[in-house]
Protein backbone atom coordinates (compact mmCIF):
# COMPACT_ATOMS: atom_id res chain seq x y z
CA MET A 1 -9.33 -13.29 24.85
CA ALA A 2 -13.11 -13.94 24.82
CA THR A 3 -13.96 -17.58 24.32
CA SER A 4 -15.68 -17.02 20.97
CA ILE A 5 -15.24 -14.67 18.04
CA ALA A 6 -18.68 -13.13 18.70
CA ALA A 7 -17.66 -12.54 22.28
CA ALA A 8 -14.51 -10.92 21.12
CA VAL A 9 -16.29 -8.40 18.92
CA GLY A 10 -18.60 -7.64 21.71
CA PHE A 11 -15.62 -7.01 23.93
CA LEU A 12 -13.93 -4.65 21.46
CA ARG A 13 -17.25 -2.83 20.85
CA GLU A 14 -17.31 -2.02 24.62
CA ARG A 15 -14.01 -0.20 24.06
CA ARG A 16 -15.35 1.58 20.87
CA ALA A 17 -14.55 4.99 22.29
CA HIS A 18 -11.01 4.08 22.90
CA TRP A 19 -10.30 2.68 19.48
CA VAL A 20 -12.26 5.42 17.56
CA ASP A 21 -10.19 7.94 19.56
CA THR A 22 -6.98 6.24 18.65
CA LEU A 23 -7.98 6.35 14.93
CA ALA A 24 -9.01 10.10 15.38
CA ARG A 25 -5.51 10.94 16.70
CA MET A 26 -3.83 9.15 13.87
CA VAL A 27 -5.87 10.71 11.19
CA SER A 28 -5.33 14.06 12.83
CA ILE A 29 -1.67 13.86 12.03
CA ASP A 30 -0.63 15.03 8.41
CA SER A 31 1.81 12.31 7.35
CA GLY A 32 2.07 12.77 3.61
CA PRO A 33 5.12 12.37 1.31
CA GLY A 34 8.22 14.03 2.68
CA ASP A 35 6.47 15.26 5.82
CA THR A 36 9.33 14.57 8.42
CA ALA A 37 7.43 16.16 11.32
CA GLY A 38 4.30 14.09 10.53
CA ALA A 39 6.33 10.86 10.35
CA GLU A 40 7.91 11.50 13.70
CA ALA A 41 4.54 12.27 15.23
CA MET A 42 2.99 9.16 13.83
CA VAL A 43 5.86 6.96 15.11
CA GLY A 44 5.50 8.60 18.46
CA LEU A 45 1.79 7.91 18.66
CA LEU A 46 2.29 4.30 17.42
CA THR A 47 5.06 3.83 19.99
CA ALA A 48 2.70 4.87 22.73
CA VAL A 49 -0.06 2.53 21.50
CA TRP A 50 2.22 -0.57 21.44
CA THR A 51 3.88 0.30 24.67
CA GLU A 52 0.47 0.52 26.35
CA LEU A 53 -0.15 -3.03 25.07
CA GLY A 54 3.19 -4.12 26.79
CA TRP A 55 4.99 -4.81 23.47
CA PRO A 56 8.79 -3.84 23.12
CA VAL A 57 9.19 -1.23 20.44
CA GLU A 58 12.09 -0.59 18.08
CA ILE A 59 12.43 2.27 15.68
CA ARG A 60 14.48 1.79 12.46
CA HIS A 61 15.24 4.43 9.83
CA ALA A 62 14.71 3.03 6.23
CA GLY A 63 13.58 5.86 4.05
CA ALA A 64 11.24 7.01 6.78
CA PRO A 65 11.07 5.88 10.39
CA VAL A 66 9.82 2.31 10.68
CA LEU A 67 8.24 0.97 13.91
CA LEU A 68 8.77 -2.67 14.83
CA ALA A 69 6.99 -4.30 17.76
CA ARG A 70 7.60 -7.82 18.72
CA ARG A 71 6.20 -10.62 20.86
CA SER A 72 8.07 -13.97 20.84
CA GLY A 73 6.46 -17.34 20.90
CA PRO A 74 7.28 -20.95 19.95
CA GLY A 75 4.72 -21.19 17.26
CA PRO A 76 4.34 -19.83 13.61
CA ARG A 77 6.25 -16.72 12.86
CA VAL A 78 3.64 -14.04 11.77
CA LEU A 79 4.55 -10.67 10.24
CA LEU A 80 1.82 -7.94 10.68
CA MET A 81 2.39 -5.31 7.98
CA GLY A 82 1.09 -1.69 7.70
CA HIS A 83 2.11 1.86 6.74
CA TYR A 84 1.38 5.21 8.36
CA ASP A 85 2.08 7.53 5.41
CA THR A 86 -0.73 9.02 3.25
CA VAL A 87 -0.81 10.63 -0.05
CA PHE A 88 -2.12 13.96 1.26
CA ALA A 89 -0.11 17.14 1.62
CA VAL A 90 0.46 19.13 4.90
CA GLY A 91 -2.63 21.04 5.72
CA THR A 92 -5.15 18.45 4.52
CA VAL A 93 -6.10 17.53 8.07
CA ALA A 94 -7.07 21.12 8.88
CA ALA A 95 -9.12 21.38 5.69
CA ARG A 96 -10.74 18.04 6.13
CA PRO A 97 -10.58 16.73 9.66
CA PHE A 98 -11.52 13.25 10.98
CA ALA A 99 -15.22 12.74 11.31
CA VAL A 100 -17.69 10.02 12.08
CA ALA A 101 -21.26 9.82 10.68
CA ASP A 102 -23.76 7.16 10.05
CA GLY A 103 -21.18 4.48 11.06
CA ARG A 104 -18.54 5.69 8.64
CA ALA A 105 -15.28 7.43 9.42
CA THR A 106 -13.66 9.82 7.02
CA GLY A 107 -10.60 12.00 6.88
CA PRO A 108 -7.22 11.94 5.06
CA GLY A 109 -5.77 8.44 5.16
CA ALA A 110 -8.51 7.27 7.51
CA SER A 111 -9.06 4.23 5.42
CA ASP A 112 -5.79 3.87 3.57
CA MET A 113 -4.47 2.87 5.96
CA LYS A 114 -4.60 4.28 9.51
CA ALA A 115 -7.72 2.26 10.36
CA GLY A 116 -5.74 -0.93 9.55
CA LEU A 117 -3.15 0.11 12.08
CA VAL A 118 -5.93 0.40 14.67
CA VAL A 119 -7.04 -3.16 13.64
CA GLN A 120 -3.51 -4.46 14.27
CA ALA A 121 -3.39 -3.08 17.77
CA ALA A 122 -6.96 -4.01 18.61
CA ALA A 123 -6.47 -7.56 17.55
CA MET A 124 -3.20 -7.88 19.53
CA SER A 125 -4.98 -6.36 22.53
CA ILE A 126 -7.36 -9.42 22.71
CA LEU A 127 -4.80 -12.24 21.87
CA ASP A 128 -4.04 -14.09 24.96
CA ASP A 129 -2.70 -17.04 23.08
CA GLY A 130 1.16 -16.65 23.20
CA ARG A 131 2.08 -19.41 20.80
CA CYS A 132 2.67 -17.27 17.70
CA ASP A 133 5.89 -15.52 17.25
CA ILE A 134 4.77 -12.07 16.12
CA THR A 135 6.51 -8.99 14.46
CA VAL A 136 4.58 -5.80 13.73
CA MET A 137 6.17 -3.59 11.04
CA VAL A 138 4.77 -0.25 10.21
CA ASN A 139 6.63 1.85 7.50
CA GLY A 140 6.31 5.34 6.42
CA ASP A 141 7.14 5.29 2.64
CA GLU A 142 4.60 2.75 1.18
CA GLU A 143 2.69 5.44 -0.86
CA SER A 144 5.93 6.41 -2.54
CA GLY A 145 7.05 2.87 -3.39
CA SER A 146 8.66 1.59 -0.18
CA VAL A 147 12.08 2.38 -1.77
CA GLY A 148 13.83 2.80 1.58
CA SER A 149 11.94 0.16 3.53
CA ARG A 150 11.86 -2.59 0.96
CA PRO A 151 15.12 -4.24 2.14
CA LEU A 152 13.88 -4.38 5.70
CA ILE A 153 10.43 -5.69 4.71
CA GLU A 154 12.05 -8.51 2.59
CA ASP A 155 14.46 -9.36 5.41
CA LEU A 156 11.60 -9.65 7.93
CA ALA A 157 9.46 -11.63 5.36
CA ARG A 158 12.29 -14.15 4.95
CA HIS A 159 11.92 -15.06 8.61
CA ALA A 160 8.16 -15.27 8.51
CA ASP A 161 5.83 -18.18 7.97
CA VAL A 162 2.78 -15.88 7.21
CA ALA A 163 2.38 -12.30 6.34
CA LEU A 164 -0.87 -10.46 7.23
CA VAL A 165 -1.36 -6.98 5.70
CA PHE A 166 -3.67 -4.41 6.92
CA GLU A 167 -4.54 -2.39 3.91
CA PRO A 168 -8.32 -1.53 3.70
CA GLY A 169 -10.72 -4.35 2.73
CA GLY A 170 -13.03 -3.89 -0.22
CA PRO A 171 -16.24 -1.77 0.18
CA ASP A 172 -18.12 -5.15 0.69
CA GLY A 173 -15.53 -6.30 3.12
CA ALA A 174 -13.56 -8.61 0.77
CA ILE A 175 -9.99 -9.45 1.78
CA VAL A 176 -7.19 -9.59 -0.73
CA THR A 177 -5.54 -12.81 -1.95
CA GLY A 178 -3.59 -11.37 -4.97
CA ARG A 179 -2.25 -8.12 -6.47
CA PRO A 180 -0.58 -7.14 -9.76
CA GLY A 181 3.02 -6.29 -9.87
CA VAL A 182 4.30 -2.75 -10.47
CA ARG A 183 6.71 -1.69 -13.03
CA ARG A 184 7.41 2.08 -12.98
CA PHE A 185 9.51 4.02 -15.55
CA ARG A 186 10.53 7.48 -16.44
CA ALA A 187 10.85 8.41 -20.15
CA GLU A 188 12.66 11.47 -21.36
CA THR A 189 12.92 13.22 -24.60
CA ILE A 190 15.85 15.53 -25.48
CA GLY A 191 15.72 18.19 -28.17
CA ARG A 192 17.41 21.53 -28.77
CA PRO A 193 16.34 24.89 -27.48
CA ALA A 194 15.79 27.93 -29.57
CA HIS A 195 13.80 31.32 -29.32
CA THR A 196 10.26 30.68 -30.28
CA GLY A 197 9.86 33.97 -32.10
CA VAL A 198 13.22 34.74 -33.63
CA GLU A 199 14.39 31.24 -34.89
CA PRO A 200 12.09 28.54 -33.85
CA GLU A 201 13.17 26.45 -36.89
CA LYS A 202 16.54 25.88 -35.17
CA GLY A 203 14.94 24.22 -32.17
CA ARG A 204 14.06 20.61 -31.80
CA ASN A 205 10.83 20.29 -29.72
CA ALA A 206 11.17 17.71 -26.87
CA ILE A 207 7.49 18.09 -26.02
CA GLU A 208 6.49 17.28 -29.58
CA GLY A 209 8.58 14.10 -29.38
CA MET A 210 7.02 13.36 -26.02
CA ALA A 211 3.59 13.55 -27.49
CA HIS A 212 4.28 10.79 -29.87
CA LEU A 213 5.62 8.69 -27.02
CA VAL A 214 2.62 9.18 -24.86
CA LEU A 215 0.20 8.07 -27.63
CA SER A 216 2.20 4.99 -28.28
CA ILE A 217 2.31 4.10 -24.66
CA ALA A 218 -1.33 4.65 -24.34
CA GLU A 219 -1.79 1.92 -27.10
CA LEU A 220 0.16 -0.47 -24.85
CA GLY A 221 -2.39 -0.01 -22.14
CA ARG A 222 -5.37 -0.47 -24.48
CA ARG A 223 -3.92 -3.79 -25.64
CA GLY A 224 -4.55 -5.53 -22.32
CA ASP A 225 -1.94 -8.31 -22.45
CA LEU A 226 0.54 -6.23 -20.31
CA GLY A 227 -2.03 -5.20 -17.65
CA SER A 228 -2.70 -1.50 -17.17
CA VAL A 229 -0.14 1.00 -18.52
CA THR A 230 -0.68 4.61 -17.52
CA VAL A 231 1.25 7.80 -18.16
CA SER A 232 0.76 9.41 -14.69
CA MET A 233 2.97 12.42 -14.56
CA ILE A 234 4.51 14.74 -17.31
CA ASP A 235 6.84 17.68 -17.24
CA GLY A 236 8.49 19.75 -19.87
CA GLY A 237 9.86 23.03 -21.16
CA SER A 238 11.53 25.90 -19.15
CA ARG A 239 9.90 29.14 -20.43
CA PRO A 240 6.95 30.10 -22.75
CA ASN A 241 9.35 31.64 -25.36
CA ILE A 242 11.87 28.82 -25.57
CA VAL A 243 11.44 25.68 -27.73
CA PRO A 244 11.49 23.01 -25.12
CA GLU A 245 14.74 21.14 -24.76
CA GLY A 246 13.50 18.38 -22.56
CA ALA A 247 10.33 16.68 -21.46
CA SER A 248 9.65 13.69 -19.15
CA ILE A 249 6.86 11.34 -18.21
CA VAL A 250 6.36 8.73 -15.55
CA ILE A 251 4.77 5.53 -16.67
CA ASP A 252 2.98 3.24 -14.16
CA GLY A 253 2.46 -0.32 -15.14
CA ARG A 254 0.39 -2.85 -13.23
CA VAL A 255 1.36 -6.27 -14.56
CA PRO A 256 -0.14 -9.64 -14.00
CA THR A 257 3.07 -11.59 -14.10
CA PRO A 258 6.92 -10.93 -13.96
CA GLU A 259 6.96 -12.06 -17.65
CA ALA A 260 4.45 -9.41 -18.65
CA GLY A 261 6.57 -6.83 -16.80
CA ASP A 262 9.61 -7.84 -18.67
CA ARG A 263 7.70 -7.53 -22.03
CA LEU A 264 6.44 -4.11 -21.01
CA ALA A 265 10.07 -2.96 -20.36
CA VAL A 266 11.25 -4.20 -23.76
CA GLU A 267 8.37 -2.49 -25.55
CA LEU A 268 8.95 0.86 -23.76
CA GLU A 269 12.61 0.70 -24.52
CA ALA A 270 11.69 0.32 -28.18
CA ILE A 271 9.31 3.25 -28.08
CA ALA A 272 11.61 5.50 -26.25
CA ALA A 273 14.40 4.67 -28.81
CA SER A 274 12.43 5.66 -31.82
CA VAL A 275 10.98 9.16 -31.33
CA PRO A 276 9.53 10.13 -34.72
CA VAL A 277 10.66 13.81 -34.57
CA ASP A 278 13.81 14.87 -36.38
CA GLY A 279 16.61 15.84 -33.91
CA VAL A 280 14.77 14.59 -30.76
CA THR A 281 16.00 11.49 -28.97
CA GLY A 282 14.54 9.49 -26.04
CA ARG A 283 15.66 7.26 -23.23
CA LEU A 284 13.98 5.14 -20.56
CA GLN A 285 14.84 4.84 -16.84
CA HIS A 286 13.63 1.95 -14.81
CA LEU A 287 12.22 3.28 -11.40
CA GLU A 288 10.58 0.38 -9.61
CA ASP A 289 10.00 -3.36 -9.89
CA ARG A 290 7.38 -4.71 -7.32
CA PRO A 291 6.71 -8.42 -7.80
CA ALA A 292 3.28 -9.71 -8.47
CA PHE A 293 1.28 -10.97 -5.42
CA VAL A 294 0.19 -14.44 -6.56
CA PRO A 295 -2.04 -16.54 -4.16
CA SER A 296 -0.54 -19.81 -2.86
CA GLU A 297 -2.29 -22.87 -1.74
CA GLU A 298 -1.41 -22.01 1.84
CA SER A 299 -2.56 -18.37 1.55
CA LEU A 300 -5.93 -19.54 0.08
CA ARG A 301 -6.18 -21.97 3.00
CA ILE A 302 -5.77 -19.18 5.51
CA ALA A 303 -8.35 -17.10 3.53
CA GLY A 304 -10.77 -19.98 3.95
CA THR A 305 -10.15 -19.96 7.77
CA LEU A 306 -11.11 -16.32 7.86
CA GLN A 307 -14.20 -16.97 5.84
CA GLN A 308 -15.18 -19.59 8.46
CA LEU A 309 -14.54 -17.12 11.20
CA SER A 310 -16.59 -14.53 9.40
CA ALA A 311 -19.41 -16.78 8.91
CA GLU A 312 -19.57 -17.30 12.71
CA LEU A 313 -20.38 -13.55 12.89
CA GLY A 314 -23.11 -13.89 10.19
CA LEU A 315 -20.85 -12.14 7.59
CA ASP A 316 -20.33 -13.36 4.07
CA LEU A 317 -16.52 -12.76 3.50
CA ASP A 318 -15.26 -12.72 -0.10
CA ALA A 319 -11.65 -13.27 -0.87
CA ARG A 320 -10.30 -12.06 -4.22
CA PRO A 321 -7.47 -10.22 -6.01
CA ALA A 322 -7.23 -6.53 -5.98
CA ARG A 323 -5.97 -4.19 -8.70
CA GLY A 324 -3.75 -2.03 -6.63
CA SER A 325 -0.36 -3.12 -5.08
CA SER A 326 0.94 -3.10 -1.40
CA ASP A 327 3.90 -4.17 0.58
CA GLY A 328 2.20 -7.61 0.52
CA ASN A 329 3.73 -7.93 -2.92
CA PHE A 330 7.12 -8.11 -1.31
CA SER A 331 6.33 -10.85 1.12
CA SER A 332 4.37 -12.81 -1.50
CA GLY A 333 7.20 -12.35 -3.98
CA LEU A 334 9.46 -14.28 -1.59
CA GLY A 335 7.07 -17.20 -1.33
CA VAL A 336 5.61 -16.28 2.00
CA PRO A 337 1.74 -16.97 2.35
CA THR A 338 0.26 -13.54 2.37
CA ILE A 339 -3.29 -12.24 3.11
CA ASP A 340 -4.07 -8.64 2.58
CA GLY A 341 -7.06 -6.23 2.86
CA LEU A 342 -7.46 -6.90 6.71
CA GLY A 343 -8.34 -3.39 7.42
CA PRO A 344 -11.99 -2.39 7.75
CA PRO A 345 -14.18 -2.30 4.61
CA GLY A 346 -13.78 1.02 2.89
CA SER A 347 -13.43 2.73 -0.48
CA ALA A 348 -12.56 5.94 -2.39
CA PHE A 349 -8.90 5.72 -1.28
CA HIS A 350 -6.61 8.65 -2.18
CA THR A 351 -9.53 10.92 -2.62
CA ASP A 352 -11.19 13.55 -0.55
CA HIS A 353 -14.24 11.28 0.20
CA GLU A 354 -12.45 8.08 1.35
CA TRP A 355 -14.41 6.22 4.05
CA LEU A 356 -14.35 3.16 6.30
CA GLU A 357 -16.97 1.20 8.24
CA VAL A 358 -16.14 1.94 11.98
CA ASP A 359 -17.62 -1.45 13.21
CA GLY A 360 -15.31 -3.18 10.77
CA ILE A 361 -12.39 -2.31 13.08
CA PHE A 362 -13.86 -4.61 15.66
CA THR A 363 -14.97 -7.41 13.43
CA ARG A 364 -11.63 -7.40 11.60
CA ALA A 365 -9.62 -7.40 14.85
CA ALA A 366 -11.54 -10.32 16.31
CA MET A 367 -11.09 -12.31 13.05
CA VAL A 368 -7.37 -11.70 13.02
CA ALA A 369 -6.95 -12.61 16.71
CA SER A 370 -9.08 -15.85 16.22
CA LEU A 371 -7.07 -16.64 13.10
CA MET A 372 -3.80 -16.52 15.08
CA THR A 373 -5.19 -18.52 17.89
CA ALA A 374 -6.20 -21.19 15.39
CA MET A 375 -2.66 -21.04 13.73
CA GLY A 376 -0.96 -21.41 17.12
CA ALA A 377 -3.20 -24.36 18.06
CA ARG A 378 -2.51 -26.01 14.75
CA SER A 379 1.21 -25.72 15.18
CA GLN A 380 0.93 -27.54 18.58
CA GLY A 381 -1.43 -30.31 17.24
């Protein structure tokens, strides 16, 4: 690698066309929820990228294909984490293709988080120091909760000394040192069907019951002590001339601590058990429990090293908690020092106008490579 971080950035900028083309090829693959063809295409492209770098690649199947690339070394065990799936449906790429204008790249999933995958590869392309023992993990079900890949992620994290996560950085370039936990639930109400015109009085309206639940749940979110609580999906009824027998909602909770998550579950159970509509009952199903990502002393020290490296480039790097969750919650939840937000600065994730700073690919990659060189040297000293 170049002898200074500034020289490393310069070297990467000389290969700008290569790395932007790599990003363009990634973004040009639809890889939204349930898109098997897109997942296979992304894994094929990632395999080519890492094979070109000379890294052995293994493909696991855990909910969706997972790419693992490894390089052994005697020093700290570092897990590099990312995901190739997006939230966008098949056809989004054709409607809104990858583009670069005024130093910003756009396109479905460009920032969240295909650019982070480019940073991973670019950083390792300039890492000559062989002391760190490195595992790259790129899964394909993060946007749907990492249900299939979570056991693999946690197994890899248990054998890691540090986890680095390449979700996008903040719009100002901030890296992420903490995230809330996630508690997700499905609430259902069960009534009784009847003809809406002939004998509606014989029905018991599940949607009416659900309306009460939704308002009560909204109050939990307004309280603030349990974090954010959002009814994010709703479904109910079967036909316009039938009193609805069933209704359901999905509740997304972002909790600051495990204790807050437990209290949220108790309160939701009580709400679901007391539907104030005669003949309508409710029940609650627990869908997801993602631990809070709480900064540790070691993770804050690593963040400080990144800030020092950033200062060498004349950049002011903030390090702070973020409001969303990531697979970094799993590594942090196991006590592994974790730093997130190592993708390029960007914003408007999950929308049709998400963006990232292209030059951030090069500065982030140089910072990560320099960090790992410093970690390897520290382990020997």
